[in-house]
N, C-alpha and C. Protein backbone atom coordinates (compact mmCIF):
# COMPACT_ATOMS: atom_id res chain seq x y z
N MET A 1 59.18 74.57 -98.23
CA MET A 1 59.62 73.22 -97.99
C MET A 1 60.63 72.84 -99.09
N PRO A 2 61.80 72.33 -98.72
CA PRO A 2 62.79 71.92 -99.73
C PRO A 2 62.24 70.82 -100.63
N ALA A 3 62.71 70.79 -101.87
CA ALA A 3 62.22 69.83 -102.86
C ALA A 3 62.36 68.39 -102.38
N SER A 4 63.46 68.06 -101.72
CA SER A 4 63.65 66.68 -101.26
C SER A 4 62.63 66.31 -100.19
N ASP A 5 62.26 67.26 -99.32
CA ASP A 5 61.23 66.99 -98.31
C ASP A 5 59.88 66.77 -98.96
N LEU A 6 59.57 67.56 -99.98
CA LEU A 6 58.31 67.42 -100.69
C LEU A 6 58.26 66.06 -101.40
N GLU A 7 59.36 65.66 -102.03
CA GLU A 7 59.43 64.36 -102.69
C GLU A 7 59.22 63.23 -101.70
N ASP A 8 59.82 63.35 -100.50
CA ASP A 8 59.64 62.34 -99.46
C ASP A 8 58.18 62.27 -99.01
N LEU A 9 57.55 63.43 -98.84
CA LEU A 9 56.15 63.49 -98.45
C LEU A 9 55.28 62.81 -99.50
N TYR A 10 55.50 63.15 -100.77
CA TYR A 10 54.73 62.56 -101.86
C TYR A 10 54.95 61.05 -101.93
N ARG A 11 56.17 60.62 -101.74
CA ARG A 11 56.48 59.19 -101.75
C ARG A 11 55.72 58.49 -100.62
N ASP A 12 55.69 59.09 -99.44
CA ASP A 12 54.97 58.52 -98.30
C ASP A 12 53.47 58.42 -98.58
N ILE A 13 52.90 59.44 -99.20
CA ILE A 13 51.48 59.43 -99.54
C ILE A 13 51.18 58.31 -100.53
N LEU A 14 52.01 58.18 -101.56
CA LEU A 14 51.82 57.12 -102.55
C LEU A 14 51.91 55.74 -101.91
N LEU A 15 52.90 55.55 -101.08
CA LEU A 15 53.06 54.25 -100.42
C LEU A 15 51.90 53.94 -99.49
N ASP A 16 51.39 54.96 -98.80
CA ASP A 16 50.24 54.75 -97.92
C ASP A 16 49.02 54.29 -98.71
N HIS A 17 48.74 54.94 -99.84
CA HIS A 17 47.58 54.55 -100.66
C HIS A 17 47.80 53.17 -101.29
N TYR A 18 49.03 52.82 -101.60
CA TYR A 18 49.32 51.51 -102.18
C TYR A 18 49.16 50.42 -101.12
N ARG A 19 49.69 50.66 -99.94
CA ARG A 19 49.64 49.64 -98.87
C ARG A 19 48.29 49.57 -98.18
N ASN A 20 47.58 50.68 -98.14
CA ASN A 20 46.28 50.77 -97.47
C ASN A 20 45.26 51.39 -98.43
N PRO A 21 44.94 50.68 -99.50
CA PRO A 21 44.05 51.27 -100.51
C PRO A 21 42.66 51.56 -99.96
N ARG A 22 42.13 52.70 -100.36
CA ARG A 22 40.78 53.08 -99.98
C ARG A 22 39.82 52.58 -101.06
N ASN A 23 38.65 52.13 -100.64
CA ASN A 23 37.58 51.71 -101.55
C ASN A 23 38.00 50.53 -102.44
N ARG A 24 38.79 49.62 -101.90
CA ARG A 24 39.20 48.44 -102.64
C ARG A 24 38.13 47.36 -102.47
N GLY A 25 37.79 46.70 -103.55
CA GLY A 25 36.81 45.61 -103.53
C GLY A 25 35.87 45.74 -104.70
N ARG A 26 34.75 45.09 -104.59
CA ARG A 26 33.73 45.12 -105.65
C ARG A 26 32.41 45.53 -105.02
N LEU A 27 31.55 46.15 -105.83
CA LEU A 27 30.21 46.53 -105.40
C LEU A 27 29.22 45.54 -105.99
N GLY A 28 28.33 45.02 -105.18
CA GLY A 28 27.37 44.05 -105.66
C GLY A 28 26.34 44.62 -106.61
N ALA A 29 25.87 45.82 -106.35
CA ALA A 29 24.81 46.42 -107.17
C ALA A 29 25.31 47.70 -107.81
N ALA A 30 26.31 47.58 -108.65
CA ALA A 30 26.88 48.76 -109.31
C ALA A 30 25.97 49.23 -110.44
N SER A 31 25.88 50.53 -110.60
CA SER A 31 25.16 51.11 -111.73
C SER A 31 25.94 50.93 -113.02
N CYS A 32 27.25 50.98 -112.92
CA CYS A 32 28.11 50.81 -114.09
C CYS A 32 29.47 50.31 -113.64
N SER A 33 30.13 49.64 -114.55
CA SER A 33 31.45 49.07 -114.29
C SER A 33 32.29 49.20 -115.56
N ALA A 34 33.57 49.12 -115.38
CA ALA A 34 34.48 49.11 -116.53
C ALA A 34 35.77 48.42 -116.12
N ASP A 35 36.41 47.83 -117.11
CA ASP A 35 37.71 47.20 -116.92
C ASP A 35 38.75 48.01 -117.67
N GLY A 36 39.91 48.15 -117.08
CA GLY A 36 40.99 48.85 -117.73
C GLY A 36 42.28 48.07 -117.58
N ALA A 37 43.17 48.24 -118.53
CA ALA A 37 44.45 47.54 -118.48
C ALA A 37 45.54 48.40 -119.12
N ASN A 38 46.73 48.24 -118.61
CA ASN A 38 47.91 48.87 -119.16
C ASN A 38 48.87 47.73 -119.52
N PRO A 39 48.83 47.27 -120.75
CA PRO A 39 49.64 46.12 -121.13
C PRO A 39 51.15 46.35 -121.01
N LEU A 40 51.61 47.59 -121.07
CA LEU A 40 53.04 47.86 -120.95
C LEU A 40 53.57 47.52 -119.56
N CYS A 41 52.72 47.72 -118.55
CA CYS A 41 53.16 47.53 -117.17
C CYS A 41 52.48 46.32 -116.53
N GLY A 42 51.39 45.86 -117.12
CA GLY A 42 50.65 44.74 -116.54
C GLY A 42 49.58 45.16 -115.55
N ASP A 43 49.32 46.46 -115.45
CA ASP A 43 48.29 46.95 -114.53
C ASP A 43 46.91 46.55 -115.05
N GLN A 44 46.05 46.12 -114.13
CA GLN A 44 44.66 45.80 -114.46
C GLN A 44 43.77 46.36 -113.36
N ILE A 45 42.60 46.84 -113.77
CA ILE A 45 41.66 47.39 -112.79
C ILE A 45 40.23 47.12 -113.25
N THR A 46 39.40 46.82 -112.30
CA THR A 46 37.96 46.76 -112.51
C THR A 46 37.37 47.81 -111.58
N LEU A 47 36.52 48.64 -112.13
CA LEU A 47 35.95 49.75 -111.38
C LEU A 47 34.44 49.61 -111.36
N ASP A 48 33.84 49.65 -110.19
CA ASP A 48 32.38 49.61 -110.01
C ASP A 48 31.93 50.94 -109.45
N VAL A 49 30.84 51.47 -110.01
CA VAL A 49 30.30 52.76 -109.56
C VAL A 49 28.81 52.60 -109.32
N THR A 50 28.33 53.08 -108.18
CA THR A 50 26.90 53.13 -107.90
C THR A 50 26.48 54.59 -107.91
N LEU A 51 25.53 54.89 -108.77
CA LEU A 51 25.02 56.25 -108.88
C LEU A 51 23.71 56.39 -108.13
N ASP A 52 23.51 57.55 -107.56
CA ASP A 52 22.25 57.92 -106.93
C ASP A 52 21.87 59.25 -107.57
N GLY A 53 21.00 59.19 -108.57
CA GLY A 53 20.74 60.38 -109.37
C GLY A 53 21.98 60.70 -110.16
N ASP A 54 22.49 61.92 -110.01
CA ASP A 54 23.72 62.28 -110.73
C ASP A 54 24.94 62.26 -109.82
N ARG A 55 24.82 61.64 -108.65
CA ARG A 55 25.93 61.57 -107.68
C ARG A 55 26.53 60.18 -107.65
N ILE A 56 27.82 60.14 -107.41
CA ILE A 56 28.52 58.87 -107.22
C ILE A 56 28.35 58.51 -105.75
N ALA A 57 27.40 57.61 -105.51
CA ALA A 57 27.09 57.22 -104.13
C ALA A 57 28.16 56.29 -103.57
N ASP A 58 28.70 55.43 -104.42
CA ASP A 58 29.73 54.50 -103.97
C ASP A 58 30.61 54.14 -105.15
N ILE A 59 31.83 53.78 -104.85
CA ILE A 59 32.79 53.42 -105.89
C ILE A 59 33.80 52.47 -105.27
N ALA A 60 34.21 51.49 -106.05
CA ALA A 60 35.22 50.54 -105.58
C ALA A 60 36.05 50.09 -106.77
N PHE A 61 37.29 49.69 -106.47
CA PHE A 61 38.16 49.17 -107.52
C PHE A 61 38.79 47.88 -107.04
N ASP A 62 39.11 47.06 -108.00
CA ASP A 62 39.83 45.83 -107.73
C ASP A 62 40.83 45.63 -108.86
N GLY A 63 41.84 44.90 -108.62
CA GLY A 63 42.83 44.65 -109.65
C GLY A 63 44.21 44.56 -109.06
N ASN A 64 45.18 44.61 -109.93
CA ASN A 64 46.55 44.55 -109.47
C ASN A 64 47.42 45.34 -110.43
N GLY A 65 48.59 45.66 -109.94
CA GLY A 65 49.51 46.43 -110.77
C GLY A 65 50.55 47.11 -109.92
N CYS A 66 51.26 48.02 -110.53
CA CYS A 66 52.34 48.72 -109.85
C CYS A 66 51.77 49.66 -108.77
N SER A 67 52.66 50.11 -107.92
CA SER A 67 52.24 50.97 -106.82
C SER A 67 51.59 52.26 -107.31
N ILE A 68 52.07 52.79 -108.43
CA ILE A 68 51.50 54.05 -108.94
C ILE A 68 50.06 53.84 -109.39
N SER A 69 49.79 52.78 -110.14
CA SER A 69 48.43 52.55 -110.63
C SER A 69 47.46 52.30 -109.48
N GLN A 70 47.89 51.52 -108.50
CA GLN A 70 47.01 51.18 -107.39
C GLN A 70 46.80 52.37 -106.45
N ALA A 71 47.84 53.14 -106.20
CA ALA A 71 47.70 54.34 -105.37
C ALA A 71 46.80 55.37 -106.05
N SER A 72 46.97 55.53 -107.36
CA SER A 72 46.15 56.48 -108.11
C SER A 72 44.67 56.07 -108.05
N ALA A 73 44.40 54.78 -108.17
CA ALA A 73 43.02 54.29 -108.09
C ALA A 73 42.42 54.60 -106.72
N SER A 74 43.19 54.38 -105.67
CA SER A 74 42.74 54.67 -104.32
C SER A 74 42.42 56.15 -104.15
N MET A 75 43.33 57.01 -104.62
CA MET A 75 43.13 58.46 -104.52
C MET A 75 41.94 58.92 -105.34
N MET A 76 41.79 58.35 -106.53
CA MET A 76 40.67 58.74 -107.40
C MET A 76 39.34 58.39 -106.76
N THR A 77 39.24 57.19 -106.17
CA THR A 77 37.95 56.81 -105.56
C THR A 77 37.62 57.71 -104.39
N GLU A 78 38.61 58.08 -103.61
CA GLU A 78 38.36 59.02 -102.50
C GLU A 78 37.86 60.35 -103.02
N TYR A 79 38.45 60.81 -104.10
CA TYR A 79 38.09 62.12 -104.64
C TYR A 79 36.66 62.13 -105.19
N VAL A 80 36.27 61.13 -105.97
CA VAL A 80 34.98 61.21 -106.67
C VAL A 80 33.79 60.76 -105.83
N LYS A 81 34.02 59.98 -104.80
CA LYS A 81 32.91 59.48 -103.98
C LYS A 81 32.13 60.65 -103.38
N GLY A 82 30.82 60.66 -103.67
CA GLY A 82 29.95 61.73 -103.18
C GLY A 82 29.82 62.91 -104.12
N ARG A 83 30.63 62.95 -105.15
CA ARG A 83 30.59 64.06 -106.11
C ARG A 83 29.61 63.74 -107.24
N SER A 84 29.22 64.77 -107.97
CA SER A 84 28.35 64.57 -109.13
C SER A 84 29.18 63.98 -110.27
N VAL A 85 28.47 63.39 -111.23
CA VAL A 85 29.14 62.84 -112.41
C VAL A 85 29.88 63.96 -113.15
N GLU A 86 29.28 65.13 -113.23
CA GLU A 86 29.94 66.27 -113.89
C GLU A 86 31.23 66.65 -113.17
N GLU A 87 31.19 66.68 -111.83
CA GLU A 87 32.39 66.99 -111.07
C GLU A 87 33.46 65.92 -111.28
N ALA A 88 33.03 64.66 -111.39
CA ALA A 88 33.98 63.58 -111.65
C ALA A 88 34.65 63.77 -113.00
N HIS A 89 33.86 64.11 -114.03
CA HIS A 89 34.43 64.37 -115.35
C HIS A 89 35.39 65.56 -115.30
N ASP A 90 35.05 66.60 -114.57
CA ASP A 90 35.96 67.74 -114.41
C ASP A 90 37.26 67.30 -113.74
N GLY A 91 37.14 66.42 -112.74
CA GLY A 91 38.32 65.89 -112.06
C GLY A 91 39.21 65.08 -112.98
N ILE A 92 38.58 64.29 -113.84
CA ILE A 92 39.34 63.49 -114.82
C ILE A 92 40.14 64.42 -115.72
N GLN A 93 39.50 65.48 -116.20
CA GLN A 93 40.19 66.43 -117.08
C GLN A 93 41.32 67.16 -116.35
N ALA A 94 41.07 67.56 -115.12
CA ALA A 94 42.10 68.27 -114.34
C ALA A 94 43.29 67.34 -114.08
N PHE A 95 43.01 66.08 -113.78
CA PHE A 95 44.08 65.11 -113.55
C PHE A 95 44.93 64.95 -114.81
N GLN A 96 44.28 64.83 -115.95
CA GLN A 96 45.02 64.68 -117.21
C GLN A 96 45.87 65.92 -117.50
N ARG A 97 45.33 67.10 -117.22
CA ARG A 97 46.12 68.32 -117.42
C ARG A 97 47.34 68.34 -116.50
N MET A 98 47.18 67.85 -115.27
CA MET A 98 48.31 67.78 -114.35
C MET A 98 49.37 66.82 -114.89
N MET A 99 48.93 65.69 -115.42
CA MET A 99 49.86 64.68 -115.92
C MET A 99 50.58 65.13 -117.19
N VAL A 100 49.85 65.78 -118.10
CA VAL A 100 50.41 66.12 -119.40
C VAL A 100 51.05 67.51 -119.43
N GLU A 101 50.39 68.48 -118.80
CA GLU A 101 50.85 69.87 -118.88
C GLU A 101 51.49 70.38 -117.59
N GLY A 102 51.42 69.58 -116.52
CA GLY A 102 51.97 70.01 -115.25
C GLY A 102 51.12 71.03 -114.52
N GLU A 103 49.86 71.18 -114.93
CA GLU A 103 48.97 72.15 -114.30
C GLU A 103 48.67 71.72 -112.85
N PRO A 104 48.88 72.60 -111.89
CA PRO A 104 48.64 72.24 -110.49
C PRO A 104 47.15 72.03 -110.20
N LEU A 105 46.89 71.21 -109.20
CA LEU A 105 45.52 70.94 -108.78
C LEU A 105 45.18 71.81 -107.57
N GLY A 106 43.90 72.04 -107.37
CA GLY A 106 43.45 72.79 -106.21
C GLY A 106 43.45 71.92 -104.96
N GLU A 107 43.26 72.56 -103.83
CA GLU A 107 43.27 71.86 -102.54
C GLU A 107 42.21 70.76 -102.44
N GLU A 108 41.10 70.92 -103.17
CA GLU A 108 40.02 69.94 -103.09
C GLU A 108 40.42 68.56 -103.62
N TYR A 109 41.57 68.48 -104.30
CA TYR A 109 42.04 67.21 -104.85
C TYR A 109 42.83 66.39 -103.84
N GLY A 110 43.11 66.95 -102.68
CA GLY A 110 43.74 66.19 -101.60
C GLY A 110 45.07 65.57 -102.00
N ASP A 111 45.21 64.28 -101.71
CA ASP A 111 46.46 63.56 -101.92
C ASP A 111 46.87 63.42 -103.39
N ILE A 112 45.95 63.65 -104.31
CA ILE A 112 46.21 63.39 -105.72
C ILE A 112 47.43 64.15 -106.24
N GLU A 113 47.69 65.31 -105.69
CA GLU A 113 48.84 66.10 -106.14
C GLU A 113 50.15 65.35 -105.93
N ALA A 114 50.15 64.34 -105.07
CA ALA A 114 51.35 63.54 -104.86
C ALA A 114 51.78 62.81 -106.13
N LEU A 115 50.88 62.69 -107.09
CA LEU A 115 51.20 62.02 -108.35
C LEU A 115 51.86 62.95 -109.37
N VAL A 116 52.02 64.22 -109.04
CA VAL A 116 52.58 65.19 -109.99
C VAL A 116 53.97 64.78 -110.47
N GLY A 117 54.76 64.17 -109.64
CA GLY A 117 56.11 63.76 -110.01
C GLY A 117 56.14 62.68 -111.09
N VAL A 118 55.04 61.95 -111.22
CA VAL A 118 54.94 60.89 -112.23
C VAL A 118 55.05 61.49 -113.63
N ALA A 119 54.62 62.72 -113.79
CA ALA A 119 54.65 63.36 -115.11
C ALA A 119 56.05 63.44 -115.70
N LYS A 120 57.07 63.35 -114.85
CA LYS A 120 58.46 63.37 -115.33
C LYS A 120 58.83 62.09 -116.07
N PHE A 121 58.01 61.05 -115.91
CA PHE A 121 58.29 59.75 -116.50
C PHE A 121 57.12 59.35 -117.39
N PRO A 122 57.15 59.74 -118.67
CA PRO A 122 56.01 59.53 -119.56
C PRO A 122 55.45 58.11 -119.57
N VAL A 123 56.30 57.11 -119.46
CA VAL A 123 55.80 55.75 -119.48
C VAL A 123 54.96 55.44 -118.23
N ARG A 124 55.22 56.14 -117.13
CA ARG A 124 54.47 55.91 -115.88
C ARG A 124 53.18 56.71 -115.83
N VAL A 125 53.02 57.71 -116.71
CA VAL A 125 51.78 58.48 -116.77
C VAL A 125 50.61 57.54 -117.07
N LYS A 126 50.85 56.55 -117.91
CA LYS A 126 49.79 55.58 -118.23
C LYS A 126 49.37 54.81 -116.98
N CYS A 127 50.32 54.50 -116.12
CA CYS A 127 50.01 53.80 -114.86
C CYS A 127 49.10 54.67 -113.99
N ALA A 128 49.48 55.93 -113.83
CA ALA A 128 48.72 56.84 -112.98
C ALA A 128 47.35 57.16 -113.56
N SER A 129 47.25 57.16 -114.89
CA SER A 129 46.00 57.55 -115.56
C SER A 129 45.01 56.41 -115.71
N LEU A 130 45.43 55.18 -115.50
CA LEU A 130 44.56 54.02 -115.76
C LEU A 130 43.22 54.11 -115.04
N ALA A 131 43.23 54.35 -113.75
CA ALA A 131 41.98 54.40 -112.99
C ALA A 131 41.08 55.53 -113.47
N TRP A 132 41.66 56.66 -113.80
CA TRP A 132 40.90 57.82 -114.24
C TRP A 132 40.25 57.57 -115.60
N LYS A 133 40.97 56.93 -116.50
CA LYS A 133 40.42 56.60 -117.81
C LYS A 133 39.35 55.51 -117.69
N THR A 134 39.54 54.60 -116.74
CA THR A 134 38.55 53.55 -116.52
C THR A 134 37.28 54.15 -115.93
N LEU A 135 37.41 55.13 -115.05
CA LEU A 135 36.24 55.83 -114.52
C LEU A 135 35.49 56.52 -115.65
N GLU A 136 36.22 57.19 -116.52
CA GLU A 136 35.60 57.88 -117.65
C GLU A 136 34.81 56.88 -118.51
N GLN A 137 35.39 55.72 -118.73
CA GLN A 137 34.73 54.66 -119.51
C GLN A 137 33.47 54.18 -118.79
N ALA A 138 33.56 53.95 -117.48
CA ALA A 138 32.40 53.47 -116.72
C ALA A 138 31.27 54.48 -116.77
N LEU A 139 31.59 55.76 -116.56
CA LEU A 139 30.55 56.79 -116.54
C LEU A 139 29.96 57.06 -117.92
N SER A 140 30.69 56.68 -118.96
CA SER A 140 30.20 56.87 -120.32
C SER A 140 29.44 55.65 -120.84
N SER A 141 29.44 54.58 -120.06
CA SER A 141 28.79 53.35 -120.52
C SER A 141 27.28 53.51 -120.54
N GLU A 142 26.63 52.69 -121.31
CA GLU A 142 25.17 52.73 -121.45
C GLU A 142 24.49 52.59 -120.09
N SER A 143 24.99 51.71 -119.23
CA SER A 143 24.34 51.49 -117.94
C SER A 143 24.42 52.71 -117.03
N ALA A 144 25.42 53.57 -117.24
CA ALA A 144 25.56 54.77 -116.40
C ALA A 144 24.48 55.79 -116.72
N ARG A 145 23.85 55.66 -117.86
CA ARG A 145 22.82 56.62 -118.24
C ARG A 145 21.49 56.33 -117.55
N VAL A 146 21.38 55.18 -116.92
CA VAL A 146 20.17 54.81 -116.19
C VAL A 146 20.58 54.57 -114.74
N PRO A 147 20.77 55.66 -113.97
CA PRO A 147 21.31 55.50 -112.63
C PRO A 147 20.34 54.80 -111.67
N VAL A 148 20.92 54.09 -110.73
CA VAL A 148 20.15 53.48 -109.65
C VAL A 148 19.84 54.58 -108.65
N THR A 149 18.58 54.67 -108.25
CA THR A 149 18.22 55.66 -107.23
C THR A 149 18.08 54.97 -105.89
N THR A 150 18.06 55.74 -104.84
CA THR A 150 17.96 55.19 -103.50
C THR A 150 16.74 54.30 -103.36
N ASP A 151 15.59 54.73 -103.89
CA ASP A 151 14.36 53.96 -103.78
C ASP A 151 14.47 52.62 -104.48
N GLU A 152 15.12 52.58 -105.65
CA GLU A 152 15.25 51.33 -106.38
C GLU A 152 16.16 50.35 -105.64
N ARG A 153 17.18 50.84 -104.97
CA ARG A 153 18.09 49.94 -104.24
C ARG A 153 17.41 49.32 -103.04
N SER A 154 16.47 50.01 -102.44
CA SER A 154 15.85 49.50 -101.21
C SER A 154 14.77 48.47 -101.48
N GLN A 155 14.36 48.29 -102.74
CA GLN A 155 13.32 47.33 -103.06
C GLN A 155 13.84 45.94 -103.17
């Protein structure tokens, strides 16, 4: 596929996630939450995560910002939902390697590879990384160490 076609495809994917964000909103009974901000661009995000054992049972984000930050948040929530906390941490590291070192992602990352072009613009890497760093913060918070289990939610 010619480079210009690939760029158009990636642009379309980013715009789709920006205009039709997945997992946007707030969770009422989140196991952990975190707020993130990028003061250079004005991006803000609040991330709620519900854990079931060591799995991310549900995840949602809210906030505002540039198309890159919001699209990245949408893609990140799609990727981590249903995965273990360890897999989410591995995903965070792989995403950062893609942004900083240009390391390609595997097929399991889906649309996220559309953000690879952002690495050419160092100031925009912070926009793309905001949701991922906020997830890392949420999963590292004290409340994430005491996950909500299915039985506790049903009571």
